[in-house]
N, C-alpha and C. Protein backbone atom coordinates (compact mmCIF):
# COMPACT_ATOMS: atom_id res chain seq x y z
N MET A 1 3.03 58.32 44.03
CA MET A 1 3.15 58.11 45.46
C MET A 1 3.76 56.75 45.76
N LEU A 2 3.51 55.78 44.90
CA LEU A 2 4.07 54.44 45.10
C LEU A 2 5.58 54.50 45.01
N GLU A 3 6.10 55.20 44.03
CA GLU A 3 7.54 55.32 43.89
C GLU A 3 8.18 56.03 45.07
N ALA A 4 7.45 56.97 45.67
CA ALA A 4 7.96 57.72 46.81
C ALA A 4 7.76 56.97 48.13
N GLY A 5 7.07 55.82 48.08
CA GLY A 5 6.83 55.05 49.29
C GLY A 5 5.80 55.68 50.21
N GLN A 6 4.89 56.44 49.64
CA GLN A 6 3.86 57.12 50.43
C GLN A 6 2.53 56.41 50.28
N GLY A 7 1.71 56.54 51.29
CA GLY A 7 0.38 55.95 51.28
C GLY A 7 -0.65 56.92 50.77
N LEU A 8 -1.84 56.39 50.54
CA LEU A 8 -2.94 57.20 50.04
C LEU A 8 -4.24 56.63 50.60
N ILE A 9 -5.09 57.50 51.06
CA ILE A 9 -6.42 57.09 51.51
C ILE A 9 -7.43 57.80 50.64
N ILE A 10 -8.34 57.02 50.07
CA ILE A 10 -9.38 57.59 49.22
C ILE A 10 -10.70 57.42 49.95
N VAL A 11 -11.41 58.51 50.15
CA VAL A 11 -12.69 58.46 50.84
C VAL A 11 -13.77 59.05 49.96
N GLY A 12 -14.99 58.66 50.22
CA GLY A 12 -16.12 59.21 49.47
C GLY A 12 -17.37 58.39 49.79
N SER A 13 -18.47 58.88 49.30
CA SER A 13 -19.74 58.20 49.55
C SER A 13 -19.82 56.91 48.73
N PRO A 14 -20.66 55.98 49.16
CA PRO A 14 -20.81 54.73 48.43
C PRO A 14 -21.24 54.98 46.98
N GLY A 15 -20.63 54.22 46.08
CA GLY A 15 -21.02 54.30 44.68
C GLY A 15 -20.34 55.38 43.86
N CYS A 16 -19.37 56.08 44.44
CA CYS A 16 -18.75 57.18 43.69
C CYS A 16 -17.55 56.73 42.86
N GLY A 17 -17.15 55.45 42.95
CA GLY A 17 -16.10 54.93 42.10
C GLY A 17 -14.75 54.71 42.77
N LYS A 18 -14.70 54.72 44.09
CA LYS A 18 -13.43 54.52 44.80
C LYS A 18 -12.82 53.17 44.47
N SER A 19 -13.60 52.11 44.57
CA SER A 19 -13.08 50.76 44.31
C SER A 19 -12.62 50.62 42.87
N HIS A 20 -13.37 51.18 41.95
CA HIS A 20 -12.98 51.12 40.54
C HIS A 20 -11.66 51.85 40.31
N LEU A 21 -11.52 53.02 40.88
CA LEU A 21 -10.28 53.80 40.74
C LEU A 21 -9.09 53.05 41.33
N VAL A 22 -9.28 52.48 42.50
CA VAL A 22 -8.20 51.77 43.16
C VAL A 22 -7.86 50.48 42.40
N SER A 23 -8.87 49.78 41.90
CA SER A 23 -8.61 48.56 41.12
C SER A 23 -7.80 48.87 39.87
N ALA A 24 -8.17 49.93 39.17
CA ALA A 24 -7.44 50.32 37.97
C ALA A 24 -6.01 50.73 38.31
N SER A 25 -5.84 51.45 39.40
CA SER A 25 -4.51 51.87 39.83
C SER A 25 -3.65 50.66 40.22
N ALA A 26 -4.26 49.71 40.90
CA ALA A 26 -3.54 48.49 41.30
C ALA A 26 -3.13 47.70 40.07
N GLN A 27 -4.01 47.62 39.09
CA GLN A 27 -3.69 46.90 37.86
C GLN A 27 -2.53 47.57 37.13
N ARG A 28 -2.55 48.88 37.09
CA ARG A 28 -1.46 49.63 36.44
C ARG A 28 -0.14 49.40 37.18
N ALA A 29 -0.18 49.39 38.50
CA ALA A 29 1.03 49.14 39.29
C ALA A 29 1.55 47.73 39.03
N LYS A 30 0.64 46.77 38.94
CA LYS A 30 1.03 45.39 38.67
C LYS A 30 1.68 45.28 37.29
N GLU A 31 1.12 45.95 36.31
CA GLU A 31 1.69 45.95 34.96
C GLU A 31 3.07 46.59 34.93
N ALA A 32 3.31 47.52 35.84
CA ALA A 32 4.61 48.20 35.92
C ALA A 32 5.63 47.37 36.71
N GLY A 33 5.23 46.20 37.20
CA GLY A 33 6.17 45.32 37.88
C GLY A 33 6.13 45.36 39.39
N TYR A 34 5.22 46.11 39.96
CA TYR A 34 5.09 46.16 41.42
C TYR A 34 4.29 44.96 41.91
N SER A 35 4.59 44.50 43.11
CA SER A 35 3.76 43.46 43.72
C SER A 35 2.57 44.15 44.38
N VAL A 36 1.41 43.54 44.19
CA VAL A 36 0.16 44.16 44.65
C VAL A 36 -0.67 43.13 45.39
N LEU A 37 -1.25 43.55 46.49
CA LEU A 37 -2.23 42.73 47.20
C LEU A 37 -3.47 43.58 47.38
N PHE A 38 -4.59 43.12 46.83
CA PHE A 38 -5.87 43.82 46.92
C PHE A 38 -6.77 42.96 47.79
N GLU A 39 -7.21 43.51 48.90
CA GLU A 39 -8.04 42.75 49.84
C GLU A 39 -9.14 43.64 50.37
N ARG A 40 -10.32 43.08 50.51
CA ARG A 40 -11.42 43.81 51.14
C ARG A 40 -11.22 43.74 52.65
N ALA A 41 -11.46 44.83 53.34
CA ALA A 41 -11.21 44.91 54.78
C ALA A 41 -11.94 43.82 55.57
N PRO A 42 -13.22 43.56 55.30
CA PRO A 42 -13.88 42.51 56.10
C PRO A 42 -13.20 41.15 55.97
N LYS A 43 -12.77 40.80 54.76
CA LYS A 43 -12.11 39.51 54.56
C LYS A 43 -10.73 39.50 55.22
N LEU A 44 -10.00 40.60 55.10
CA LEU A 44 -8.68 40.69 55.73
C LEU A 44 -8.79 40.58 57.24
N LEU A 45 -9.75 41.27 57.82
CA LEU A 45 -9.94 41.21 59.27
C LEU A 45 -10.37 39.82 59.72
N MET A 46 -11.18 39.15 58.90
CA MET A 46 -11.58 37.78 59.22
C MET A 46 -10.35 36.87 59.25
N ARG A 47 -9.45 37.04 58.28
CA ARG A 47 -8.23 36.23 58.25
C ARG A 47 -7.33 36.54 59.44
N LEU A 48 -7.24 37.82 59.82
CA LEU A 48 -6.42 38.19 60.98
C LEU A 48 -7.01 37.62 62.27
N ARG A 49 -8.35 37.69 62.39
CA ARG A 49 -8.99 37.12 63.58
C ARG A 49 -8.72 35.62 63.67
N ALA A 50 -8.77 34.94 62.54
CA ALA A 50 -8.51 33.50 62.52
C ALA A 50 -7.07 33.22 62.95
N ALA A 51 -6.15 34.07 62.53
CA ALA A 51 -4.74 33.88 62.93
C ALA A 51 -4.59 34.06 64.43
N TYR A 52 -5.27 35.06 64.98
CA TYR A 52 -5.19 35.28 66.43
C TYR A 52 -5.85 34.15 67.20
N SER A 53 -6.98 33.67 66.71
CA SER A 53 -7.70 32.64 67.44
C SER A 53 -6.99 31.29 67.38
N SER A 54 -6.08 31.13 66.41
CA SER A 54 -5.35 29.87 66.32
C SER A 54 -4.27 29.78 67.40
N LYS A 55 -4.07 30.85 68.13
CA LYS A 55 -3.09 30.92 69.21
C LYS A 55 -1.66 30.68 68.71
N SER A 56 -1.46 30.89 67.44
CA SER A 56 -0.14 30.68 66.86
C SER A 56 0.48 32.03 66.54
N LYS A 57 1.48 32.43 67.32
CA LYS A 57 2.17 33.69 67.06
C LYS A 57 2.82 33.68 65.69
N ALA A 58 3.29 32.51 65.26
CA ALA A 58 3.95 32.40 63.95
C ALA A 58 2.96 32.72 62.84
N CYS A 59 1.74 32.25 62.97
CA CYS A 59 0.73 32.45 61.94
C CYS A 59 0.40 33.93 61.77
N GLU A 60 0.16 34.63 62.87
CA GLU A 60 -0.17 36.05 62.76
C GLU A 60 1.04 36.85 62.30
N LEU A 61 2.23 36.48 62.73
CA LEU A 61 3.44 37.16 62.29
C LEU A 61 3.65 36.98 60.80
N GLU A 62 3.41 35.77 60.30
CA GLU A 62 3.54 35.51 58.87
C GLU A 62 2.58 36.38 58.07
N MET A 63 1.36 36.54 58.58
CA MET A 63 0.38 37.38 57.87
C MET A 63 0.85 38.82 57.80
N PHE A 64 1.30 39.36 58.92
CA PHE A 64 1.75 40.75 58.93
C PHE A 64 2.99 40.93 58.06
N GLU A 65 3.88 39.94 58.07
CA GLU A 65 5.06 40.04 57.21
C GLU A 65 4.67 40.01 55.74
N ALA A 66 3.72 39.17 55.39
CA ALA A 66 3.26 39.09 54.00
C ALA A 66 2.63 40.41 53.56
N LEU A 67 1.87 41.02 54.45
CA LEU A 67 1.26 42.32 54.13
C LEU A 67 2.32 43.39 53.95
N GLY A 68 3.39 43.29 54.72
CA GLY A 68 4.45 44.29 54.65
C GLY A 68 5.40 44.10 53.48
N ARG A 69 5.39 42.93 52.86
CA ARG A 69 6.31 42.65 51.75
C ARG A 69 5.85 43.20 50.42
N VAL A 70 4.56 43.42 50.24
CA VAL A 70 4.08 43.87 48.94
C VAL A 70 4.40 45.35 48.73
N ASP A 71 4.59 45.70 47.48
CA ASP A 71 4.85 47.10 47.15
C ASP A 71 3.60 47.96 47.33
N LEU A 72 2.45 47.38 46.98
CA LEU A 72 1.19 48.12 47.07
C LEU A 72 0.16 47.25 47.76
N LEU A 73 -0.29 47.69 48.92
CA LEU A 73 -1.34 47.01 49.67
C LEU A 73 -2.60 47.85 49.57
N VAL A 74 -3.63 47.29 48.98
CA VAL A 74 -4.91 47.97 48.86
C VAL A 74 -5.89 47.31 49.80
N ILE A 75 -6.45 48.09 50.71
CA ILE A 75 -7.49 47.59 51.62
C ILE A 75 -8.77 48.32 51.25
N ASP A 76 -9.67 47.60 50.61
CA ASP A 76 -10.92 48.19 50.12
C ASP A 76 -12.02 48.00 51.15
N ASP A 77 -12.98 48.90 51.16
CA ASP A 77 -14.15 48.84 52.03
C ASP A 77 -13.80 48.92 53.51
N LEU A 78 -12.76 49.67 53.85
CA LEU A 78 -12.42 49.86 55.24
C LEU A 78 -13.57 50.63 55.90
N GLY A 79 -14.08 50.08 56.98
CA GLY A 79 -15.24 50.69 57.64
C GLY A 79 -16.51 49.93 57.33
N ALA A 80 -16.46 49.03 56.34
CA ALA A 80 -17.65 48.24 55.97
C ALA A 80 -17.77 46.99 56.82
N GLU A 81 -16.70 46.68 57.57
CA GLU A 81 -16.72 45.47 58.38
C GLU A 81 -17.65 45.65 59.57
N GLU A 82 -18.15 44.52 60.07
CA GLU A 82 -19.03 44.56 61.23
C GLU A 82 -18.20 44.46 62.49
N GLY A 83 -18.60 45.20 63.51
CA GLY A 83 -17.89 45.16 64.78
C GLY A 83 -18.19 43.88 65.54
N THR A 84 -17.34 43.59 66.50
CA THR A 84 -17.56 42.43 67.36
C THR A 84 -17.59 42.92 68.81
N GLU A 85 -18.05 42.05 69.67
CA GLU A 85 -18.07 42.41 71.09
C GLU A 85 -16.67 42.60 71.59
C-alpha cells in the first residue's frame, strides 16, 4: 500500500497487537529506504495545539508540511487522546 500511495487504518481492541504490527511495518519501511514518522496521537495533538497557541501561522504550517513530507506517517493511539473544552 505504501508503494501505491494508499493509506491504511488498523483498528481493534486494546492489547491485540496493533502498535506492535505498525511498529514492525514502519521499521521494515525504514529499512527499505522510506522516510517514516511514528507519533502517538496525544503527543502529536499536543504539538499541534502548541503551534496554534503560539499564534504563528508559520509554525503550524511547518508542522503540517513536515507531516506531509514523510513517505509513511504512523499515528498510533488515535482516539486515546483526551478531549478539551
